[in-house]
Amino acid sequence: MSPLHTEFHRLFLTSAGPQAPATLLDEHGRTRALVLELTAPVDTVAMGALWQGLQSELGLPAPAVAVNGRDALQLWFALAQPVGLAQARASLDGLVARYLPALQVRQWRAWP
């Protein structure tokens, strides 16, 4: 496994055992990763406000940034402890409401 894959697994994925495939959800339906995807065209000013707010106002580390290869940028948030899906979704919805209030529903996606 490459160093990139090792770190990606360490930060974001879970698996039930060495033979089980890695997934964002553990056996209890909890996750250690939150993903917020902003579809093109991405409002870079709004994304900058989110980026700054996460770190300066909320004291969170900067999320990882990925390009999905089709139509969006993704922000990946690694959590120290797994949370349930309802809490994960509420957290992402709260970030969008606070830092990206002008985005329409079709301009962003979140998972798990």
C-alpha atoms as a PDB file:
ATOM      1  CA  MET A   1       0.000   0.000   0.000  1.00  0.00           C
ATOM      2  CA  SER A   2       1.359   3.442  -0.899  1.00  0.00           C
ATOM      3  CA  PRO A   3       1.915   6.141   1.745  1.00  0.00           C
ATOM      4  CA  LEU A   4      -1.073   8.058   0.319  1.00  0.00           C
ATOM      5  CA  HIS A   5      -3.365   5.047   0.691  1.00  0.00           C
ATOM      6  CA  THR A   6      -2.043   4.333   4.180  1.00  0.00           C
ATOM      7  CA  GLU A   7      -2.753   7.866   5.383  1.00  0.00           C
ATOM      8  CA  PHE A   8      -6.142   7.999   3.642  1.00  0.00           C
ATOM      9  CA  HIS A   9      -7.157   4.790   5.400  1.00  0.00           C
ATOM     10  CA  ARG A  10      -5.814   6.012   8.754  1.00  0.00           C
ATOM     11  CA  LEU A  11      -7.641   9.336   8.567  1.00  0.00           C
ATOM     12  CA  PHE A  12     -10.955   8.464   6.968  1.00  0.00           C
ATOM     13  CA  LEU A  13     -11.766   4.789   6.610  1.00  0.00           C
ATOM     14  CA  THR A  14     -12.734   1.944   8.842  1.00  0.00           C
ATOM     15  CA  SER A  15     -12.826  -1.796   8.338  1.00  0.00           C
ATOM     16  CA  ALA A  16     -14.224  -4.594  10.433  1.00  0.00           C
ATOM     17  CA  GLY A  17     -11.069  -6.656  10.038  1.00  0.00           C
ATOM     18  CA  PRO A  18      -8.071  -7.320   7.835  1.00  0.00           C
ATOM     19  CA  GLN A  19     -10.129  -9.125   5.192  1.00  0.00           C
ATOM     20  CA  ALA A  20     -13.070  -6.686   5.193  1.00  0.00           C
ATOM     21  CA  PRO A  21     -13.151  -3.891   2.611  1.00  0.00           C
ATOM     22  CA  ALA A  22     -12.520  -0.385   3.908  1.00  0.00           C
ATOM     23  CA  THR A  23     -15.568   1.838   4.138  1.00  0.00           C
ATOM     24  CA  LEU A  24     -16.621   5.222   5.515  1.00  0.00           C
ATOM     25  CA  LEU A  25     -19.021   3.489   7.947  1.00  0.00           C
ATOM     26  CA  ASP A  26     -18.100   1.160  10.798  1.00  0.00           C
ATOM     27  CA  GLU A  27     -20.124  -1.874  11.893  1.00  0.00           C
ATOM     28  CA  HIS A  28     -22.370   0.400  13.997  1.00  0.00           C
ATOM     29  CA  GLY A  29     -23.162   2.771  11.125  1.00  0.00           C
ATOM     30  CA  ARG A  30     -20.837   5.499  12.408  1.00  0.00           C
ATOM     31  CA  THR A  31     -18.263   7.458  10.442  1.00  0.00           C
ATOM     32  CA  ARG A  32     -14.902   9.102  11.051  1.00  0.00           C
ATOM     33  CA  ALA A  33     -15.098  11.149   7.862  1.00  0.00           C
ATOM     34  CA  LEU A  34     -17.340  13.960   6.692  1.00  0.00           C
ATOM     35  CA  VAL A  35     -17.298  14.934   3.039  1.00  0.00           C
ATOM     36  CA  LEU A  36     -18.678  18.191   1.685  1.00  0.00           C
ATOM     37  CA  GLU A  37     -18.678  18.445  -2.088  1.00  0.00           C
ATOM     38  CA  LEU A  38     -19.096  21.794  -3.837  1.00  0.00           C
ATOM     39  CA  THR A  39     -20.168  21.524  -7.459  1.00  0.00           C
ATOM     40  CA  ALA A  40     -18.835  23.625 -10.320  1.00  0.00           C
ATOM     41  CA  PRO A  41     -18.659  26.492 -10.654  1.00  0.00           C
ATOM     42  CA  VAL A  42     -17.285  26.674  -7.117  1.00  0.00           C
ATOM     43  CA  ASP A  43     -17.646  30.020  -5.367  1.00  0.00           C
ATOM     44  CA  THR A  44     -14.046  30.418  -4.241  1.00  0.00           C
ATOM     45  CA  VAL A  45     -14.814  33.435  -2.046  1.00  0.00           C
ATOM     46  CA  ALA A  46     -17.420  31.435  -0.120  1.00  0.00           C
ATOM     47  CA  MET A  47     -15.119  28.426   0.052  1.00  0.00           C
ATOM     48  CA  GLY A  48     -12.383  30.693   1.438  1.00  0.00           C
ATOM     49  CA  ALA A  49     -14.775  31.942   4.135  1.00  0.00           C
ATOM     50  CA  LEU A  50     -15.589  28.341   5.073  1.00  0.00           C
ATOM     51  CA  TRP A  51     -11.890  27.432   5.096  1.00  0.00           C
ATOM     52  CA  GLN A  52     -10.999  30.368   7.360  1.00  0.00           C
ATOM     53  CA  GLY A  53     -14.023  29.922   9.620  1.00  0.00           C
ATOM     54  CA  LEU A  54     -13.269  26.265  10.261  1.00  0.00           C
ATOM     55  CA  GLN A  55      -9.830  27.132  11.525  1.00  0.00           C
ATOM     56  CA  SER A  56     -10.187  30.558  13.137  1.00  0.00           C
ATOM     57  CA  GLU A  57     -13.722  30.422  14.552  1.00  0.00           C
ATOM     58  CA  LEU A  58     -14.196  26.704  15.199  1.00  0.00           C
ATOM     59  CA  GLY A  59     -10.579  25.761  15.915  1.00  0.00           C
ATOM     60  CA  LEU A  60     -10.688  22.819  13.528  1.00  0.00           C
ATOM     61  CA  PRO A  61      -7.804  21.647  11.367  1.00  0.00           C
ATOM     62  CA  ALA A  62      -7.977  22.394   7.674  1.00  0.00           C
ATOM     63  CA  PRO A  63      -9.869  19.711   5.771  1.00  0.00           C
ATOM     64  CA  ALA A  64      -8.260  17.732   2.985  1.00  0.00           C
ATOM     65  CA  VAL A  65      -9.191  18.964  -0.484  1.00  0.00           C
ATOM     66  CA  ALA A  66      -9.871  16.659  -3.413  1.00  0.00           C
ATOM     67  CA  VAL A  67     -11.165  17.059  -6.949  1.00  0.00           C
ATOM     68  CA  ASN A  68     -13.768  14.448  -7.811  1.00  0.00           C
ATOM     69  CA  GLY A  69     -12.664  14.308 -11.446  1.00  0.00           C
ATOM     70  CA  ARG A  70     -16.050  15.290 -12.847  1.00  0.00           C
ATOM     71  CA  ASP A  71     -17.663  18.415 -11.523  1.00  0.00           C
ATOM     72  CA  ALA A  72     -16.743  19.297  -7.958  1.00  0.00           C
ATOM     73  CA  LEU A  73     -14.247  19.982  -5.186  1.00  0.00           C
ATOM     74  CA  GLN A  74     -14.483  17.925  -2.021  1.00  0.00           C
ATOM     75  CA  LEU A  75     -13.572  18.886   1.524  1.00  0.00           C
ATOM     76  CA  TRP A  76     -12.761  15.844   3.667  1.00  0.00           C
ATOM     77  CA  PHE A  77     -12.981  16.219   7.453  1.00  0.00           C
ATOM     78  CA  ALA A  78     -11.273  13.564   9.589  1.00  0.00           C
ATOM     79  CA  LEU A  79     -12.878  12.978  12.996  1.00  0.00           C
ATOM     80  CA  ALA A  80     -10.980  11.699  16.028  1.00  0.00           C
ATOM     81  CA  GLN A  81     -13.967   9.607  17.111  1.00  0.00           C
ATOM     82  CA  PRO A  82     -16.744   8.126  14.973  1.00  0.00           C
ATOM     83  CA  VAL A  83     -20.155   9.780  15.005  1.00  0.00           C
ATOM     84  CA  GLY A  84     -23.590   8.581  13.935  1.00  0.00           C
ATOM     85  CA  LEU A  85     -24.967   9.509  10.546  1.00  0.00           C
ATOM     86  CA  ALA A  86     -27.511  11.961  11.973  1.00  0.00           C
ATOM     87  CA  GLN A  87     -24.782  13.879  13.799  1.00  0.00           C
ATOM     88  CA  ALA A  88     -22.520  13.770  10.745  1.00  0.00           C
ATOM     89  CA  ARG A  89     -25.244  15.154   8.494  1.00  0.00           C
ATOM     90  CA  ALA A  90     -26.242  17.813  11.038  1.00  0.00           C
ATOM     91  CA  SER A  91     -22.618  18.956  11.241  1.00  0.00           C
ATOM     92  CA  LEU A  92     -22.313  19.311   7.475  1.00  0.00           C
ATOM     93  CA  ASP A  93     -25.705  21.023   7.197  1.00  0.00           C
ATOM     94  CA  GLY A  94     -24.620  23.423   9.942  1.00  0.00           C
ATOM     95  CA  LEU A  95     -21.368  24.274   8.153  1.00  0.00           C
ATOM     96  CA  VAL A  96     -23.242  25.004   4.938  1.00  0.00           C
ATOM     97  CA  ALA A  97     -25.855  27.108   6.750  1.00  0.00           C
ATOM     98  CA  ARG A  98     -23.200  29.131   8.567  1.00  0.00           C
ATOM     99  CA  TYR A  99     -20.508  29.592   5.939  1.00  0.00           C
ATOM    100  CA  LEU A 100     -22.225  28.942   2.599  1.00  0.00           C
ATOM    101  CA  PRO A 101     -25.775  30.294   3.066  1.00  0.00           C
ATOM    102  CA  ALA A 102     -26.086  31.536  -0.532  1.00  0.00           C
ATOM    103  CA  LEU A 103     -25.472  28.076  -2.017  1.00  0.00           C
ATOM    104  CA  GLN A 104     -28.488  26.386  -3.507  1.00  0.00           C
ATOM    105  CA  VAL A 105     -29.123  22.742  -2.631  1.00  0.00           C
ATOM    106  CA  ARG A 106     -28.026  21.630  -6.109  1.00  0.00           C
ATOM    107  CA  GLN A 107     -24.603  23.267  -5.594  1.00  0.00           C
ATOM    108  CA  TRP A 108     -23.432  20.952  -2.831  1.00  0.00           C
ATOM    109  CA  ARG A 109     -23.519  17.333  -1.756  1.00  0.00           C
ATOM    110  CA  ALA A 110     -22.579  15.710   1.529  1.00  0.00           C
ATOM    111  CA  TRP A 111     -21.914  12.204   2.745  1.00  0.00           C
ATOM    112  CA  PRO A 112     -21.996   9.770   4.285  1.00  0.00           C
END
